Protein backbone atom coordinates (compact mmCIF):
# COMPACT_ATOMS: atom_id res chain seq x y z
CA MET A 1 0.55 4.86 17.88
CA ASN A 2 2.95 6.50 15.40
CA LYS A 3 5.54 3.77 15.98
CA LEU A 4 2.94 1.08 15.26
CA LEU A 5 1.87 2.85 12.05
CA THR A 6 5.50 3.19 10.94
CA ILE A 7 6.16 -0.50 11.57
CA GLY A 8 2.96 -1.37 9.69
CA LYS A 9 3.93 0.84 6.76
CA MET A 10 7.42 -0.65 6.48
CA SER A 11 6.07 -4.20 6.79
CA THR A 12 3.45 -3.62 4.12
CA ILE A 13 5.96 -2.08 1.74
CA GLY A 14 8.30 -5.00 2.46
CA LEU A 15 5.59 -7.45 1.43
CA TRP A 16 5.68 -6.00 -2.09
CA VAL A 17 9.05 -7.76 -2.48
CA LEU A 18 7.19 -11.09 -2.75
CA PRO A 19 5.61 -10.35 -6.15
CA VAL A 20 8.98 -9.22 -7.49
CA LEU A 21 10.50 -12.51 -6.34
CA ALA A 22 7.56 -14.37 -7.90
CA LEU A 23 8.14 -12.58 -11.21
CA ILE A 24 11.78 -13.62 -11.12
CA GLY A 25 10.68 -17.21 -10.49
CA ILE A 26 12.18 -17.80 -7.05
CA PHE A 27 9.20 -19.86 -5.85
CA SER A 28 7.61 -22.93 -7.41
CA ALA A 29 5.23 -22.30 -10.32
CA GLU A 30 2.13 -22.81 -8.18
CA TRP A 31 3.35 -20.36 -5.53
CA ASN A 32 4.35 -17.82 -8.19
CA HIS A 33 0.85 -18.00 -9.66
CA ASN A 34 -0.86 -17.64 -6.28
CA ILE A 35 1.37 -14.78 -5.11
CA LEU A 36 0.80 -12.84 -8.32
CA TRP A 37 -3.00 -13.25 -8.13
CA ILE A 38 -3.03 -12.15 -4.50
CA THR A 39 -0.88 -9.16 -5.49
CA VAL A 40 -3.37 -8.18 -8.20
CA LEU A 41 -6.22 -8.34 -5.67
CA ILE A 42 -4.28 -6.27 -3.12
CA PHE A 43 -3.34 -3.74 -5.79
CA PHE A 44 -6.96 -3.20 -6.81
CA ALA A 45 -8.08 -3.05 -3.17
CA HIS A 46 -5.50 -0.33 -2.49
CA LEU A 47 -6.47 1.45 -5.70
CA GLY A 48 -10.07 1.51 -4.47
CA GLU A 49 -8.82 2.74 -1.12
CA LEU A 50 -6.96 5.55 -2.88
CA LEU A 51 -10.13 6.59 -4.69
CA ALA A 52 -12.02 6.53 -1.39
CA VAL A 53 -9.52 8.71 0.53
CA LYS A 54 -8.42 11.03 -2.30
CA GLY A 55 -10.72 13.76 -0.98
CA LYS A 56 -9.30 13.47 2.54
CA LEU A 57 -5.75 13.70 1.19
CA LYS A 58 -6.70 16.72 -0.92
CA MET A 59 -8.30 18.39 2.10
CA HIS A 60 -4.97 18.06 3.95
CA GLY A 61 -2.92 19.24 0.95
CA ARG A 62 -1.44 15.78 0.39
CA ASP A 63 -2.91 14.72 -2.96
CA THR A 64 0.44 14.37 -4.72
CA ILE A 65 1.60 11.48 -6.88
CA HIS A 66 3.92 10.41 -4.06
CA ASP A 67 1.04 10.18 -1.59
CA GLY A 68 -1.07 8.28 -4.12
CA LEU A 69 1.73 5.78 -4.68
CA MET A 70 2.23 5.39 -0.95
CA VAL A 71 -1.49 4.68 -0.44
CA ILE A 72 -1.27 2.00 -3.14
CA LEU A 73 1.83 0.50 -1.50
CA ALA A 74 1.05 0.90 2.22
CA GLY A 75 -2.70 1.46 2.38
CA PHE A 76 -4.15 3.02 5.50
CA PHE A 77 -0.76 2.95 7.23
CA HIS A 78 0.09 5.96 5.05
CA TRP A 79 -3.13 7.99 4.99
CA LEU A 80 -4.39 7.42 8.53
CA PRO A 81 -1.71 9.60 10.21
CA ILE A 82 -2.32 12.33 7.62
CA THR A 83 -6.04 12.50 8.32
CA LYS A 84 -5.55 12.25 12.10
CA ASP A 85 -3.00 15.09 12.12
CA THR A 86 -4.92 18.24 13.05
CA ASN A 87 -1.92 20.59 13.28
């Protein structure tokens, strides 16, 4: 399970390269526009996710800026192992 979560986290973080490429203008104008709008939607979804799990992170002593940024970048792939860890 941990290996799957690690692969998911790395893949999700890797997907954030697409908006950077869109900002540079690598893709056609229509693709750039679509990628950036999808990125905005994903960002706000992950921001909402961060607000929803902030209490769980705090309960496990992991409510740092780094953890908040990782939830915004990787979503549940970051916070799920933290909340499942009972040690």
